[in-house]
Amino acid sequence: RLSCAASGRTDTRYAWGWFRQAPGKEREFAAAISGSGGTT
């Protein structure tokens, strides 16, 4: 279970994403969640 702790001027309207990057490869999308409604 990975955690991402946010600080500063956070806003519940932000959308959040998780990306990953393996050695020698480009960063790729894994998952995202909306800022309102929590759709994924």
PDB file of all heavy atoms in Angstrom:
ATOM      1  N   ARG A   1       0.840  -1.182   0.000  1.00  0.00           N
ATOM      2  CA  ARG A   1       0.000   0.000   0.000  1.00  0.00           C
ATOM      3  C   ARG A   1       0.878   1.235   0.000  1.00  0.00           C
ATOM      4  O   ARG A   1       1.607   1.484   0.961  1.00  0.00           O
ATOM      5  CB  ARG A   1      -0.920   0.030   1.211  1.00  0.00           C
ATOM      6  CG  ARG A   1      -1.988   1.118   1.146  1.00  0.00           C
ATOM      7  CD  ARG A   1      -2.671   1.294   2.482  1.00  0.00           C
ATOM      8  NE  ARG A   1      -3.896   2.077   2.377  1.00  0.00           N
ATOM      9  CZ  ARG A   1      -4.511   2.636   3.410  1.00  0.00           C
ATOM     10  NH1 ARG A   1      -4.035   2.475   4.646  1.00  0.00           N
ATOM     11  NH2 ARG A   1      -5.626   3.325   3.219  1.00  0.00           N
ATOM     12  N   LEU A   2       0.817   1.992  -1.067  1.00  0.00           N
ATOM     13  CA  LEU A   2       1.560   3.226  -1.173  1.00  0.00           C
ATOM     14  C   LEU A   2       0.720   4.386  -0.657  1.00  0.00           C
ATOM     15  O   LEU A   2      -0.495   4.400  -0.811  1.00  0.00           O
ATOM     16  CB  LEU A   2       1.961   3.502  -2.617  1.00  0.00           C
ATOM     17  CG  LEU A   2       2.723   2.401  -3.348  1.00  0.00           C
ATOM     18  CD1 LEU A   2       3.104   2.875  -4.747  1.00  0.00           C
ATOM     19  CD2 LEU A   2       3.957   1.982  -2.563  1.00  0.00           C
ATOM     20  N   SER A   3       1.389   5.354  -0.059  1.00  0.00           N
ATOM     21  CA  SER A   3       0.730   6.552   0.424  1.00  0.00           C
ATOM     22  C   SER A   3       1.361   7.771  -0.208  1.00  0.00           C
ATOM     23  O   SER A   3       2.558   7.790  -0.494  1.00  0.00           O
ATOM     24  CB  SER A   3       0.837   6.664   1.948  1.00  0.00           C
ATOM     25  OG  SER A   3       0.198   5.586   2.592  1.00  0.00           O
ATOM     26  N   CYS A   4       0.560   8.780  -0.421  1.00  0.00           N
ATOM     27  CA  CYS A   4       1.021  10.062  -0.932  1.00  0.00           C
ATOM     28  C   CYS A   4       0.454  11.139  -0.035  1.00  0.00           C
ATOM     29  O   CYS A   4      -0.754  11.397  -0.056  1.00  0.00           O
ATOM     30  CB  CYS A   4       0.573  10.257  -2.377  1.00  0.00           C
ATOM     31  SG  CYS A   4       0.964  11.876  -3.055  1.00  0.00           S
ATOM     32  N   ALA A   5       1.317  11.751   0.752  1.00  0.00           N
ATOM     33  CA  ALA A   5       0.904  12.795   1.675  1.00  0.00           C
ATOM     34  C   ALA A   5       1.119  14.155   1.031  1.00  0.00           C
ATOM     35  O   ALA A   5       2.218  14.456   0.564  1.00  0.00           O
ATOM     36  CB  ALA A   5       1.678  12.697   2.979  1.00  0.00           C
ATOM     37  N   ALA A   6       0.083  14.958   1.031  1.00  0.00           N
ATOM     38  CA  ALA A   6       0.134  16.275   0.409  1.00  0.00           C
ATOM     39  C   ALA A   6       0.155  17.361   1.466  1.00  0.00           C
ATOM     40  O   ALA A   6      -0.503  17.261   2.503  1.00  0.00           O
ATOM     41  CB  ALA A   6      -1.064  16.482  -0.516  1.00  0.00           C
ATOM     42  N   SER A   7       0.912  18.395   1.196  1.00  0.00           N
ATOM     43  CA  SER A   7       0.946  19.563   2.060  1.00  0.00           C
ATOM     44  C   SER A   7       0.980  20.813   1.196  1.00  0.00           C
ATOM     45  O   SER A   7       1.173  20.740  -0.017  1.00  0.00           O
ATOM     46  CB  SER A   7       2.150  19.525   3.003  1.00  0.00           C
ATOM     47  OG  SER A   7       3.369  19.532   2.278  1.00  0.00           O
ATOM     48  N   GLY A   8       0.793  21.938   1.837  1.00  0.00           N
ATOM     49  CA  GLY A   8       0.726  23.178   1.097  1.00  0.00           C
ATOM     50  C   GLY A   8      -0.708  23.540   0.774  1.00  0.00           C
ATOM     51  O   GLY A   8      -1.630  23.200   1.514  1.00  0.00           O
ATOM     52  N   ARG A   9      -0.885  24.189  -0.342  1.00  0.00           N
ATOM     53  CA  ARG A   9      -2.198  24.701  -0.717  1.00  0.00           C
ATOM     54  C   ARG A   9      -2.995  23.657  -1.483  1.00  0.00           C
ATOM     55  O   ARG A   9      -3.273  23.804  -2.676  1.00  0.00           O
ATOM     56  CB  ARG A   9      -2.044  25.984  -1.522  1.00  0.00           C
ATOM     57  CG  ARG A   9      -1.384  27.091  -0.726  1.00  0.00           C
ATOM     58  CD  ARG A   9      -1.283  28.372  -1.517  1.00  0.00           C
ATOM     59  NE  ARG A   9      -0.649  29.425  -0.730  1.00  0.00           N
ATOM     60  CZ  ARG A   9      -0.460  30.658  -1.154  1.00  0.00           C
ATOM     61  NH1 ARG A   9      -0.838  31.013  -2.377  1.00  0.00           N
ATOM     62  NH2 ARG A   9       0.136  31.538  -0.365  1.00  0.00           N
ATOM     63  N   THR A  10      -3.344  22.610  -0.762  1.00  0.00           N
ATOM     64  CA  THR A  10      -4.128  21.548  -1.378  1.00  0.00           C
ATOM     65  C   THR A  10      -5.569  21.985  -1.564  1.00  0.00           C
ATOM     66  O   THR A  10      -6.069  22.872  -0.886  1.00  0.00           O
ATOM     67  CB  THR A  10      -4.077  20.273  -0.529  1.00  0.00           C
ATOM     68  OG1 THR A  10      -4.528  20.562   0.800  1.00  0.00           O
ATOM     69  CG2 THR A  10      -2.655  19.744  -0.465  1.00  0.00           C
ATOM     70  N   ASP A  11      -6.229  21.324  -2.474  1.00  0.00           N
ATOM     71  CA  ASP A  11      -7.589  21.661  -2.836  1.00  0.00           C
ATOM     72  C   ASP A  11      -8.321  20.368  -3.150  1.00  0.00           C
ATOM     73  O   ASP A  11      -7.807  19.528  -3.897  1.00  0.00           O
ATOM     74  CB  ASP A  11      -7.594  22.600  -4.046  1.00  0.00           C
ATOM     75  CG  ASP A  11      -8.940  23.242  -4.312  1.00  0.00           C
ATOM     76  OD1 ASP A  11      -9.974  22.571  -4.143  1.00  0.00           O
ATOM     77  OD2 ASP A  11      -8.972  24.418  -4.717  1.00  0.00           O
ATOM     78  N   THR A  12      -9.494  20.201  -2.582  1.00  0.00           N
ATOM     79  CA  THR A  12     -10.258  18.987  -2.838  1.00  0.00           C
ATOM     80  C   THR A  12     -10.709  18.876  -4.281  1.00  0.00           C
ATOM     81  O   THR A  12     -11.141  17.803  -4.700  1.00  0.00           O
ATOM     82  CB  THR A  12     -11.477  18.902  -1.912  1.00  0.00           C
ATOM     83  OG1 THR A  12     -12.288  20.075  -2.068  1.00  0.00           O
ATOM     84  CG2 THR A  12     -11.040  18.783  -0.457  1.00  0.00           C
ATOM     85  N   ARG A  13     -10.603  19.948  -5.026  1.00  0.00           N
ATOM     86  CA  ARG A  13     -10.932  19.900  -6.446  1.00  0.00           C
ATOM     87  C   ARG A  13      -9.831  19.263  -7.294  1.00  0.00           C
ATOM     88  O   ARG A  13     -10.053  18.965  -8.463  1.00  0.00           O
ATOM     89  CB  ARG A  13     -11.235  21.304  -6.967  1.00  0.00           C
ATOM     90  CG  ARG A  13     -12.486  21.926  -6.372  1.00  0.00           C
ATOM     91  CD  ARG A  13     -12.629  23.375  -6.783  1.00  0.00           C
ATOM     92  NE  ARG A  13     -11.557  24.196  -6.226  1.00  0.00           N
ATOM     93  CZ  ARG A  13     -11.415  25.497  -6.446  1.00  0.00           C
ATOM     94  NH1 ARG A  13     -12.277  26.140  -7.223  1.00  0.00           N
ATOM     95  NH2 ARG A  13     -10.406  26.167  -5.886  1.00  0.00           N
ATOM     96  N   TYR A  14      -8.645  19.103  -6.713  1.00  0.00           N
ATOM     97  CA  TYR A  14      -7.556  18.456  -7.448  1.00  0.00           C
ATOM     98  C   TYR A  14      -7.913  17.019  -7.783  1.00  0.00           C
ATOM     99  O   TYR A  14      -8.550  16.315  -7.002  1.00  0.00           O
ATOM    100  CB  TYR A  14      -6.276  18.436  -6.621  1.00  0.00           C
ATOM    101  CG  TYR A  14      -5.622  19.763  -6.370  1.00  0.00           C
ATOM    102  CD1 TYR A  14      -4.608  19.863  -5.419  1.00  0.00           C
ATOM    103  CD2 TYR A  14      -5.985  20.904  -7.060  1.00  0.00           C
ATOM    104  CE1 TYR A  14      -3.984  21.069  -5.174  1.00  0.00           C
ATOM    105  CE2 TYR A  14      -5.373  22.115  -6.811  1.00  0.00           C
ATOM    106  CZ  TYR A  14      -4.366  22.193  -5.866  1.00  0.00           C
ATOM    107  OH  TYR A  14      -3.745  23.392  -5.617  1.00  0.00           O
ATOM    108  N   ALA A  15      -7.474  16.589  -8.926  1.00  0.00           N
ATOM    109  CA  ALA A  15      -7.464  15.180  -9.251  1.00  0.00           C
ATOM    110  C   ALA A  15      -6.084  14.612  -8.920  1.00  0.00           C
ATOM    111  O   ALA A  15      -5.080  15.313  -9.020  1.00  0.00           O
ATOM    112  CB  ALA A  15      -7.787  14.957 -10.725  1.00  0.00           C
ATOM    113  N   TRP A  16      -6.053  13.350  -8.553  1.00  0.00           N
ATOM    114  CA  TRP A  16      -4.814  12.712  -8.124  1.00  0.00           C
ATOM    115  C   TRP A  16      -4.522  11.497  -8.978  1.00  0.00           C
ATOM    116  O   TRP A  16      -5.435  10.756  -9.353  1.00  0.00           O
ATOM    117  CB  TRP A  16      -4.910  12.286  -6.661  1.00  0.00           C
ATOM    118  CG  TRP A  16      -5.176  13.422  -5.743  1.00  0.00           C
ATOM    119  CD1 TRP A  16      -6.390  13.915  -5.371  1.00  0.00           C
ATOM    120  CD2 TRP A  16      -4.194  14.227  -5.081  1.00  0.00           C
ATOM    121  NE1 TRP A  16      -6.229  14.974  -4.515  1.00  0.00           N
ATOM    122  CE2 TRP A  16      -4.892  15.190  -4.315  1.00  0.00           C
ATOM    123  CE3 TRP A  16      -2.799  14.211  -5.060  1.00  0.00           C
ATOM    124  CZ2 TRP A  16      -4.233  16.137  -3.541  1.00  0.00           C
ATOM    125  CZ3 TRP A  16      -2.146  15.162  -4.283  1.00  0.00           C
ATOM    126  CH2 TRP A  16      -2.859  16.103  -3.538  1.00  0.00           C
ATOM    127  N   GLY A  17      -3.250  11.299  -9.259  1.00  0.00           N
ATOM    128  CA  GLY A  17      -2.866  10.161 -10.064  1.00  0.00           C
ATOM    129  C   GLY A  17      -1.637   9.450  -9.515  1.00  0.00           C
ATOM    130  O   GLY A  17      -0.845  10.025  -8.763  1.00  0.00           O
ATOM    131  N   TRP A  18      -1.517   8.195  -9.880  1.00  0.00           N
ATOM    132  CA  TRP A  18      -0.314   7.413  -9.642  1.00  0.00           C
ATOM    133  C   TRP A  18       0.270   7.009 -10.986  1.00  0.00           C
ATOM    134  O   TRP A  18      -0.446   6.483 -11.852  1.00  0.00           O
ATOM    135  CB  TRP A  18      -0.602   6.165  -8.808  1.00  0.00           C
ATOM    136  CG  TRP A  18      -0.816   6.429  -7.353  1.00  0.00           C
ATOM    137  CD1 TRP A  18      -2.013   6.558  -6.708  1.00  0.00           C
ATOM    138  CD2 TRP A  18       0.196   6.575  -6.358  1.00  0.00           C
ATOM    139  NE1 TRP A  18      -1.804   6.778  -5.370  1.00  0.00           N
ATOM    140  CE2 TRP A  18      -0.461   6.795  -5.122  1.00  0.00           C
ATOM    141  CE3 TRP A  18       1.596   6.535  -6.380  1.00  0.00           C
ATOM    142  CZ2 TRP A  18       0.239   6.981  -3.922  1.00  0.00           C
ATOM    143  CZ3 TRP A  18       2.283   6.725  -5.193  1.00  0.00           C
ATOM    144  CH2 TRP A  18       1.603   6.943  -3.985  1.00  0.00           C
ATOM    145  N   PHE A  19       1.559   7.257 -11.122  1.00  0.00           N
ATOM    146  CA  PHE A  19       2.301   6.878 -12.312  1.00  0.00           C
ATOM    147  C   PHE A  19       3.499   6.043 -11.890  1.00  0.00           C
ATOM    148  O   PHE A  19       3.899   6.055 -10.734  1.00  0.00           O
ATOM    149  CB  PHE A  19       2.765   8.116 -13.080  1.00  0.00           C
ATOM    150  CG  PHE A  19       1.652   8.925 -13.660  1.00  0.00           C
ATOM    151  CD1 PHE A  19       0.902   9.777 -12.868  1.00  0.00           C
ATOM    152  CD2 PHE A  19       1.344   8.839 -15.009  1.00  0.00           C
ATOM    153  CE1 PHE A  19      -0.132  10.525 -13.395  1.00  0.00           C
ATOM    154  CE2 PHE A  19       0.309   9.583 -15.559  1.00  0.00           C
ATOM    155  CZ  PHE A  19      -0.429  10.425 -14.753  1.00  0.00           C
ATOM    156  N   ARG A  20       4.064   5.339 -12.841  1.00  0.00           N
ATOM    157  CA  ARG A  20       5.229   4.530 -12.525  1.00  0.00           C
ATOM    158  C   ARG A  20       6.222   4.571 -13.672  1.00  0.00           C
ATOM    159  O   ARG A  20       5.856   4.754 -14.826  1.00  0.00           O
ATOM    160  CB  ARG A  20       4.829   3.088 -12.203  1.00  0.00           C
ATOM    161  CG  ARG A  20       4.164   2.348 -13.351  1.00  0.00           C
ATOM    162  CD  ARG A  20       3.633   1.018 -12.859  1.00  0.00           C
ATOM    163  NE  ARG A  20       3.143   0.189 -13.941  1.00  0.00           N
ATOM    164  CZ  ARG A  20       2.643  -1.014 -13.777  1.00  0.00           C
ATOM    165  NH1 ARG A  20       2.575  -1.550 -12.554  1.00  0.00           N
ATOM    166  NH2 ARG A  20       2.215  -1.708 -14.827  1.00  0.00           N
ATOM    167  N   GLN A  21       7.486   4.368 -13.325  1.00  0.00           N
ATOM    168  CA  GLN A  21       8.545   4.417 -14.313  1.00  0.00           C
ATOM    169  C   GLN A  21       9.563   3.327 -14.007  1.00  0.00           C
ATOM    170  O   GLN A  21      10.220   3.354 -12.968  1.00  0.00           O
ATOM    171  CB  GLN A  21       9.222   5.784 -14.331  1.00  0.00           C
ATOM    172  CG  GLN A  21      10.217   5.967 -15.454  1.00  0.00           C
ATOM    173  CD  GLN A  21      10.617   7.413 -15.633  1.00  0.00           C
ATOM    174  OE1 GLN A  21      10.487   8.218 -14.710  1.00  0.00           O
ATOM    175  NE2 GLN A  21      11.090   7.753 -16.812  1.00  0.00           N
ATOM    176  N   ALA A  22       9.674   2.392 -14.916  1.00  0.00           N
ATOM    177  CA  ALA A  22      10.656   1.328 -14.805  1.00  0.00           C
ATOM    178  C   ALA A  22      11.966   1.777 -15.446  1.00  0.00           C
ATOM    179  O   ALA A  22      11.974   2.675 -16.295  1.00  0.00           O
ATOM    180  CB  ALA A  22      10.138   0.063 -15.476  1.00  0.00           C
ATOM    181  N   PRO A  23      13.083   1.164 -15.070  1.00  0.00           N
ATOM    182  CA  PRO A  23      14.370   1.545 -15.663  1.00  0.00           C
ATOM    183  C   PRO A  23      14.351   1.455 -17.184  1.00  0.00           C
ATOM    184  O   PRO A  23      13.916   0.450 -17.752  1.00  0.00           O
ATOM    185  CB  PRO A  23      15.343   0.531 -15.064  1.00  0.00           C
ATOM    186  CG  PRO A  23      14.714   0.136 -13.770  1.00  0.00           C
ATOM    187  CD  PRO A  23      13.238   0.126 -14.040  1.00  0.00           C
ATOM    188  N   GLY A  24      14.803   2.513 -17.827  1.00  0.00           N
ATOM    189  CA  GLY A  24      14.881   2.538 -19.273  1.00  0.00           C
ATOM    190  C   GLY A  24      13.563   2.749 -19.983  1.00  0.00           C
ATOM    191  O   GLY A  24      13.520   2.687 -21.218  1.00  0.00           O
ATOM    192  N   LYS A  25      12.494   2.994 -19.250  1.00  0.00           N
ATOM    193  CA  LYS A  25      11.181   3.176 -19.849  1.00  0.00           C
ATOM    194  C   LYS A  25      10.609   4.534 -19.465  1.00  0.00           C
ATOM    195  O   LYS A  25      11.043   5.161 -18.506  1.00  0.00           O
ATOM    196  CB  LYS A  25      10.230   2.062 -19.413  1.00  0.00           C
ATOM    197  CG  LYS A  25      10.701   0.673 -19.781  1.00  0.00           C
ATOM    198  CD  LYS A  25       9.761  -0.404 -19.275  1.00  0.00           C
ATOM    199  CE  LYS A  25       8.449  -0.400 -20.010  1.00  0.00           C
ATOM    200  NZ  LYS A  25       7.570  -1.528 -19.589  1.00  0.00           N
ATOM    201  N   GLU A  26       9.634   4.975 -20.225  1.00  0.00           N
ATOM    202  CA  GLU A  26       8.973   6.236 -19.939  1.00  0.00           C
ATOM    203  C   GLU A  26       7.977   6.078 -18.801  1.00  0.00           C
ATOM    204  O   GLU A  26       7.485   4.987 -18.524  1.00  0.00           O
ATOM    205  CB  GLU A  26       8.261   6.762 -21.184  1.00  0.00           C
ATOM    206  CG  GLU A  26       9.194   7.132 -22.316  1.00  0.00           C
ATOM    207  CD  GLU A  26       8.466   7.755 -23.481  1.00  0.00           C
ATOM    208  OE1 GLU A  26       7.223   7.765 -23.478  1.00  0.00           O
ATOM    209  OE2 GLU A  26       9.143   8.249 -24.391  1.00  0.00           O
ATOM    210  N   ARG A  27       7.709   7.188 -18.150  1.00  0.00           N
ATOM    211  CA  ARG A  27       6.719   7.177 -17.094  1.00  0.00           C
ATOM    212  C   ARG A  27       5.345   6.859 -17.665  1.00  0.00           C
ATOM    213  O   ARG A  27       4.944   7.416 -18.689  1.00  0.00           O
ATOM    214  CB  ARG A  27       6.701   8.536 -16.390  1.00  0.00           C
ATOM    215  CG  ARG A  27       5.962   8.558 -15.076  1.00  0.00           C
ATOM    216  CD  ARG A  27       6.258   9.837 -14.299  1.00  0.00           C
ATOM    217  NE  ARG A  27       7.678   9.984 -14.026  1.00  0.00           N
ATOM    218  CZ  ARG A  27       8.198  10.940 -13.270  1.00  0.00           C
ATOM    219  NH1 ARG A  27       7.407  11.844 -12.697  1.00  0.00           N
ATOM    220  NH2 ARG A  27       9.514  11.000 -13.092  1.00  0.00           N
ATOM    221  N   GLU A  28       4.615   5.979 -16.996  1.00  0.00           N
ATOM    222  CA  GLU A  28       3.329   5.556 -17.504  1.00  0.00           C
ATOM    223  C   GLU A  28       2.250   5.672 -16.437  1.00  0.00           C
ATOM    224  O   GLU A  28       2.504   5.561 -15.242  1.00  0.00           O
ATOM    225  CB  GLU A  28       3.386   4.120 -18.029  1.00  0.00           C
ATOM    226  CG  GLU A  28       3.602   3.066 -16.964  1.00  0.00           C
ATOM    227  CD  GLU A  28       3.521   1.653 -17.512  1.00  0.00           C
ATOM    228  OE1 GLU A  28       3.495   1.482 -18.744  1.00  0.00           O
ATOM    229  OE2 GLU A  28       3.486   0.707 -16.697  1.00  0.00           O
ATOM    230  N   PHE A  29       1.055   5.855 -16.904  1.00  0.00           N
ATOM    231  CA  PHE A  29      -0.106   5.994 -16.040  1.00  0.00           C
ATOM    232  C   PHE A  29      -0.470   4.674 -15.389  1.00  0.00           C
ATOM    233  O   PHE A  29      -0.407   3.614 -16.013  1.00  0.00           O
ATOM    234  CB  PHE A  29      -1.282   6.505 -16.871  1.00  0.00           C
ATOM    235  CG  PHE A  29      -2.596   6.452 -16.158  1.00  0.00           C
ATOM    236  CD1 PHE A  29      -2.926   7.406 -15.206  1.00  0.00           C
ATOM    237  CD2 PHE A  29      -3.512   5.456 -16.445  1.00  0.00           C
ATOM    238  CE1 PHE A  29      -4.142   7.363 -14.550  1.00  0.00           C
ATOM    239  CE2 PHE A  29      -4.731   5.398 -15.800  1.00  0.00           C
ATOM    240  CZ  PHE A  29      -5.048   6.366 -14.844  1.00  0.00           C
ATOM    241  N   ALA A  30      -0.875   4.748 -14.117  1.00  0.00           N
ATOM    242  CA  ALA A  30      -1.381   3.573 -13.432  1.00  0.00           C
ATOM    243  C   ALA A  30      -2.824   3.752 -12.968  1.00  0.00           C
ATOM    244  O   ALA A  30      -3.677   2.909 -13.251  1.00  0.00           O
ATOM    245  CB  ALA A  30      -0.496   3.219 -12.231  1.00  0.00           C
ATOM    246  N   ALA A  31      -3.094   4.839 -12.249  1.00  0.00           N
ATOM    247  CA  ALA A  31      -4.422   5.047 -11.673  1.00  0.00           C
ATOM    248  C   ALA A  31      -4.644   6.518 -11.392  1.00  0.00           C
ATOM    249  O   ALA A  31      -3.697   7.275 -11.195  1.00  0.00           O
ATOM    250  CB  ALA A  31      -4.585   4.237 -10.382  1.00  0.00           C
ATOM    251  N   ALA A  32      -5.909   6.931 -11.353  1.00  0.00           N
ATOM    252  CA  ALA A  32      -6.243   8.308 -11.021  1.00  0.00           C
ATOM    253  C   ALA A  32      -7.607   8.356 -10.368  1.00  0.00           C
ATOM    254  O   ALA A  32      -8.458   7.481 -10.586  1.00  0.00           O
ATOM    255  CB  ALA A  32      -6.211   9.202 -12.263  1.00  0.00           C
ATOM    256  N   ILE A  33      -7.820   9.401  -9.585  1.00  0.00           N
ATOM    257  CA  ILE A  33      -9.086   9.603  -8.895  1.00  0.00           C
ATOM    258  C   ILE A  33      -9.481  11.060  -9.024  1.00  0.00           C
ATOM    259  O   ILE A  33      -8.638  11.960  -8.963  1.00  0.00           O
ATOM    260  CB  ILE A  33      -8.989   9.158  -7.418  1.00  0.00           C
ATOM    261  CG1 ILE A  33     -10.359   9.201  -6.743  1.00  0.00           C
ATOM    262  CG2 ILE A  33      -7.972  10.003  -6.653  1.00  0.00           C
ATOM    263  CD1 ILE A  33     -10.374   8.487  -5.397  1.00  0.00           C
ATOM    264  N   SER A  34     -10.761  11.316  -9.206  1.00  0.00           N
ATOM    265  CA  SER A  34     -11.239  12.669  -9.413  1.00  0.00           C
ATOM    266  C   SER A  34     -11.244  13.463  -8.113  1.00  0.00           C
ATOM    267  O   SER A  34     -11.308  12.910  -7.014  1.00  0.00           O
ATOM    268  CB  SER A  34     -12.646  12.649 -10.008  1.00  0.00           C
ATOM    269  OG  SER A  34     -13.575  12.066  -9.110  1.00  0.00           O
ATOM    270  N   GLY A  35     -11.189  14.791  -8.261  1.00  0.00           N
ATOM    271  CA  GLY A  35     -11.212  15.659  -7.100  1.00  0.00           C
ATOM    272  C   GLY A  35     -12.575  15.750  -6.440  1.00  0.00           C
ATOM    273  O   GLY A  35     -12.675  16.033  -5.250  1.00  0.00           O
ATOM    274  N   SER A  36     -13.606  15.523  -7.188  1.00  0.00           N
ATOM    275  CA  SER A  36     -14.961  15.492  -6.660  1.00  0.00           C
ATOM    276  C   SER A  36     -15.638  14.217  -7.130  1.00  0.00           C
ATOM    277  O   SER A  36     -15.515  13.840  -8.298  1.00  0.00           O
ATOM    278  CB  SER A  36     -15.758  16.717  -7.105  1.00  0.00           C
ATOM    279  OG  SER A  36     -15.868  16.779  -8.513  1.00  0.00           O
ATOM    280  N   GLY A  37     -16.319  13.561  -6.229  1.00  0.00           N
ATOM    281  CA  GLY A  37     -17.007  12.338  -6.573  1.00  0.00           C
ATOM    282  C   GLY A  37     -16.195  11.075  -6.357  1.00  0.00           C
ATOM    283  O   GLY A  37     -16.773  10.009  -6.123  1.00  0.00           O
ATOM    284  N   GLY A  38     -14.879  11.189  -6.450  1.00  0.00           N
ATOM    285  CA  GLY A  38     -14.033  10.042  -6.195  1.00  0.00           C
ATOM    286  C   GLY A  38     -14.070   8.957  -7.255  1.00  0.00           C
ATOM    287  O   GLY A  38     -13.743   7.801  -6.968  1.00  0.00           O
ATOM    288  N   THR A  39     -14.464   9.305  -8.472  1.00  0.00           N
ATOM    289  CA  THR A  39     -14.452   8.315  -9.546  1.00  0.00           C
ATOM    290  C   THR A  39     -13.011   7.999  -9.932  1.00  0.00           C
ATOM    291  O   THR A  39     -12.133   8.849  -9.840  1.00  0.00           O
ATOM    292  CB  THR A  39     -15.238   8.795 -10.759  1.00  0.00           C
ATOM    293  OG1 THR A  39     -14.701  10.046 -11.209  1.00  0.00           O
ATOM    294  CG2 THR A  39     -16.701   8.976 -10.407  1.00  0.00           C
ATOM    295  N   THR A  40     -12.788   6.789 -10.391  1.00  0.00           N
ATOM    296  CA  THR A  40     -11.433   6.313 -10.645  1.00  0.00           C
ATOM    297  C   THR A  40     -11.274   5.764 -12.049  1.00  0.00           C
ATOM    298  O   THR A  40     -12.241   5.330 -12.682  1.00  0.00           O
ATOM    299  CB  THR A  40     -11.045   5.221  -9.641  1.00  0.00           C
ATOM    300  OG1 THR A  40     -11.980   4.133  -9.742  1.00  0.00           O
ATOM    301  CG2 THR A  40     -11.085   5.756  -8.218  1.00  0.00           C
TER     302      THR A  40
END
